[in-house]
């Protein structure tokens, strides 16, 4: 007959375990252009002109100093959505306002507002 708790005997033989290392939280990567991040950014969503699909638009003066293609790639990778540059704005697939606000704040943009 097999014991109902097979690891109890092994636990008694090993004794107490040492505590493991503390988990480390990596510092979020700052977006190029962060020195100008005190300028305003507006995050809003729209459907007009996108064949009825919802698109989240990030716009504002803080983006004019930033490397937009690099930011779009980071957003796409971090949030798992499509992101592209259109003019001086960033367009992200879907209604991602709630996810983009904290993401942009963590990367050094301080005045991030939700539009609409």
C-alpha atoms as a PDB file:
ATOM      1  CA  UNK A   1       0.000   0.000   0.000  1.00  0.00           C
ATOM      2  CA  UNK A   2       1.309   3.425  -0.967  1.00  0.00           C
ATOM      3  CA  UNK A   3       1.413   6.300   1.534  1.00  0.00           C
ATOM      4  CA  UNK A   4      -1.092   9.084   0.917  1.00  0.00           C
ATOM      5  CA  UNK A   5       1.600  11.770   1.251  1.00  0.00           C
ATOM      6  CA  UNK A   6       4.730  10.429  -0.485  1.00  0.00           C
ATOM      7  CA  UNK A   7       6.848  13.550   0.082  1.00  0.00           C
ATOM      8  CA  UNK A   8       6.393  13.724   3.853  1.00  0.00           C
ATOM      9  CA  UNK A   9       9.156  11.132   4.426  1.00  0.00           C
ATOM     10  CA  UNK A  10      11.503  12.980   2.084  1.00  0.00           C
ATOM     11  CA  UNK A  11      10.760  16.295   3.817  1.00  0.00           C
ATOM     12  CA  UNK A  12      11.645  14.754   7.175  1.00  0.00           C
ATOM     13  CA  UNK A  13      14.986  13.495   5.786  1.00  0.00           C
ATOM     14  CA  UNK A  14      15.976  16.870   4.251  1.00  0.00           C
ATOM     15  CA  UNK A  15      15.081  19.093   7.155  1.00  0.00           C
ATOM     16  CA  UNK A  16      14.214  22.783   6.755  1.00  0.00           C
ATOM     17  CA  UNK A  17      15.195  24.446   3.483  1.00  0.00           C
ATOM     18  CA  UNK A  18      17.262  27.619   3.252  1.00  0.00           C
ATOM     19  CA  UNK A  19      15.370  30.691   2.108  1.00  0.00           C
ATOM     20  CA  UNK A  20      15.835  31.441  -1.575  1.00  0.00           C
ATOM     21  CA  UNK A  21      17.053  34.729  -3.028  1.00  0.00           C
ATOM     22  CA  UNK A  22      14.759  37.726  -2.934  1.00  0.00           C
ATOM     23  CA  UNK A  23      12.920  38.267  -6.220  1.00  0.00           C
ATOM     24  CA  UNK A  24      14.256  41.216  -8.133  1.00  0.00           C
ATOM     25  CA  UNK A  25      12.053  43.594 -10.064  1.00  0.00           C
ATOM     26  CA  UNK A  26      13.873  45.013 -13.058  1.00  0.00           C
ATOM     27  CA  UNK A  27      13.807  48.779 -13.467  1.00  0.00           C
ATOM     28  CA  UNK A  28      11.626  49.650 -16.472  1.00  0.00           C
ATOM     29  CA  UNK A  29      13.600  50.872 -19.452  1.00  0.00           C
ATOM     30  CA  UNK A  30      13.311  54.608 -19.931  1.00  0.00           C
ATOM     31  CA  UNK A  31      12.070  55.737 -23.311  1.00  0.00           C
ATOM     32  CA  UNK A  32      14.390  57.914 -25.369  1.00  0.00           C
ATOM     33  CA  UNK A  33      13.123  61.442 -24.964  1.00  0.00           C
ATOM     34  CA  UNK A  34      12.452  61.157 -21.237  1.00  0.00           C
ATOM     35  CA  UNK A  35      14.205  64.499 -20.482  1.00  0.00           C
ATOM     36  CA  UNK A  36      11.308  66.147 -22.320  1.00  0.00           C
ATOM     37  CA  UNK A  37       8.744  63.903 -20.662  1.00  0.00           C
ATOM     38  CA  UNK A  38       7.337  66.698 -18.475  1.00  0.00           C
ATOM     39  CA  UNK A  39       5.365  67.774 -21.535  1.00  0.00           C
ATOM     40  CA  UNK A  40       1.824  66.507 -21.952  1.00  0.00           C
ATOM     41  CA  UNK A  41       0.783  63.227 -23.577  1.00  0.00           C
ATOM     42  CA  UNK A  42      -2.837  62.401 -24.367  1.00  0.00           C
ATOM     43  CA  UNK A  43      -4.042  58.811 -24.703  1.00  0.00           C
ATOM     44  CA  UNK A  44      -7.446  58.407 -26.368  1.00  0.00           C
ATOM     45  CA  UNK A  45      -9.289  55.926 -28.551  1.00  0.00           C
ATOM     46  CA  UNK A  46     -11.104  56.452 -31.818  1.00  0.00           C
ATOM     47  CA  UNK A  47     -12.976  54.467 -34.433  1.00  0.00           C
ATOM     48  CA  UNK A  48     -13.381  56.996 -37.229  1.00  0.00           C
ATOM     49  CA  UNK A  49     -11.262  56.261 -40.271  1.00  0.00           C
ATOM     50  CA  UNK A  50     -10.257  52.783 -39.135  1.00  0.00           C
ATOM     51  CA  UNK A  51     -13.035  50.703 -40.755  1.00  0.00           C
ATOM     52  CA  UNK A  52     -14.955  50.537 -37.472  1.00  0.00           C
ATOM     53  CA  UNK A  53     -12.031  49.106 -35.536  1.00  0.00           C
ATOM     54  CA  UNK A  54     -10.995  50.738 -32.256  1.00  0.00           C
ATOM     55  CA  UNK A  55      -7.535  52.308 -32.219  1.00  0.00           C
ATOM     56  CA  UNK A  56      -5.806  53.929 -29.239  1.00  0.00           C
ATOM     57  CA  UNK A  57      -3.936  57.101 -30.185  1.00  0.00           C
ATOM     58  CA  UNK A  58      -1.044  58.532 -28.159  1.00  0.00           C
ATOM     59  CA  UNK A  59      -0.351  62.141 -29.070  1.00  0.00           C
ATOM     60  CA  UNK A  60       1.233  65.224 -27.602  1.00  0.00           C
ATOM     61  CA  UNK A  61       4.302  67.435 -27.537  1.00  0.00           C
ATOM     62  CA  UNK A  62       6.319  64.925 -25.478  1.00  0.00           C
ATOM     63  CA  UNK A  63       6.534  62.639 -28.522  1.00  0.00           C
ATOM     64  CA  UNK A  64       8.273  65.131 -30.794  1.00  0.00           C
ATOM     65  CA  UNK A  65      11.644  64.465 -29.079  1.00  0.00           C
ATOM     66  CA  UNK A  66      11.186  60.693 -28.783  1.00  0.00           C
ATOM     67  CA  UNK A  67      12.155  57.923 -31.201  1.00  0.00           C
ATOM     68  CA  UNK A  68       8.647  56.901 -32.261  1.00  0.00           C
ATOM     69  CA  UNK A  69       9.456  53.639 -34.121  1.00  0.00           C
ATOM     70  CA  UNK A  70      11.364  52.372 -31.079  1.00  0.00           C
ATOM     71  CA  UNK A  71       8.495  53.276 -28.738  1.00  0.00           C
ATOM     72  CA  UNK A  72       5.984  51.564 -31.053  1.00  0.00           C
ATOM     73  CA  UNK A  73       8.094  48.384 -31.028  1.00  0.00           C
ATOM     74  CA  UNK A  74       8.343  48.443 -27.222  1.00  0.00           C
ATOM     75  CA  UNK A  75       4.580  48.967 -26.829  1.00  0.00           C
ATOM     76  CA  UNK A  76       3.838  46.120 -29.227  1.00  0.00           C
ATOM     77  CA  UNK A  77       6.218  43.801 -27.392  1.00  0.00           C
ATOM     78  CA  UNK A  78       5.124  44.774 -23.873  1.00  0.00           C
ATOM     79  CA  UNK A  79       1.355  44.802 -24.418  1.00  0.00           C
ATOM     80  CA  UNK A  80       1.106  42.116 -27.104  1.00  0.00           C
ATOM     81  CA  UNK A  81      -0.753  44.337 -29.580  1.00  0.00           C
ATOM     82  CA  UNK A  82      -0.024  45.987 -32.904  1.00  0.00           C
ATOM     83  CA  UNK A  83       1.486  49.467 -32.721  1.00  0.00           C
ATOM     84  CA  UNK A  84       2.622  51.815 -35.472  1.00  0.00           C
ATOM     85  CA  UNK A  85       3.676  55.381 -36.087  1.00  0.00           C
ATOM     86  CA  UNK A  86       1.367  57.622 -38.084  1.00  0.00           C
ATOM     87  CA  UNK A  87       2.688  61.139 -38.507  1.00  0.00           C
ATOM     88  CA  UNK A  88       3.724  62.321 -35.045  1.00  0.00           C
ATOM     89  CA  UNK A  89       1.271  60.014 -33.236  1.00  0.00           C
ATOM     90  CA  UNK A  90       1.355  56.410 -32.078  1.00  0.00           C
ATOM     91  CA  UNK A  91      -1.556  54.156 -33.049  1.00  0.00           C
ATOM     92  CA  UNK A  92      -2.139  51.003 -30.982  1.00  0.00           C
ATOM     93  CA  UNK A  93      -4.688  48.349 -31.952  1.00  0.00           C
ATOM     94  CA  UNK A  94      -7.735  48.114 -29.693  1.00  0.00           C
ATOM     95  CA  UNK A  95      -8.877  50.122 -26.694  1.00  0.00           C
ATOM     96  CA  UNK A  96      -5.635  50.027 -24.690  1.00  0.00           C
ATOM     97  CA  UNK A  97      -6.001  53.293 -22.719  1.00  0.00           C
ATOM     98  CA  UNK A  98      -6.080  51.594 -19.320  1.00  0.00           C
ATOM     99  CA  UNK A  99      -2.917  49.612 -20.102  1.00  0.00           C
ATOM    100  CA  UNK A 100      -0.986  52.404 -21.825  1.00  0.00           C
ATOM    101  CA  UNK A 101      -1.344  55.034 -19.079  1.00  0.00           C
ATOM    102  CA  UNK A 102       0.691  53.141 -16.438  1.00  0.00           C
ATOM    103  CA  UNK A 103       3.108  51.808 -19.073  1.00  0.00           C
ATOM    104  CA  UNK A 104       3.980  55.330 -20.265  1.00  0.00           C
ATOM    105  CA  UNK A 105       4.218  56.630 -16.685  1.00  0.00           C
ATOM    106  CA  UNK A 106       6.680  53.875 -15.741  1.00  0.00           C
ATOM    107  CA  UNK A 107       8.877  54.844 -18.668  1.00  0.00           C
ATOM    108  CA  UNK A 108       9.362  58.443 -17.589  1.00  0.00           C
ATOM    109  CA  UNK A 109       6.439  60.385 -19.084  1.00  0.00           C
ATOM    110  CA  UNK A 110       4.992  62.296 -16.139  1.00  0.00           C
ATOM    111  CA  UNK A 111       2.039  64.237 -17.605  1.00  0.00           C
ATOM    112  CA  UNK A 112       0.000  61.470 -19.223  1.00  0.00           C
ATOM    113  CA  UNK A 113      -3.731  62.180 -19.558  1.00  0.00           C
ATOM    114  CA  UNK A 114      -6.640  60.190 -20.829  1.00  0.00           C
ATOM    115  CA  UNK A 115      -8.665  61.828 -23.585  1.00  0.00           C
ATOM    116  CA  UNK A 116     -12.297  61.258 -24.708  1.00  0.00           C
END
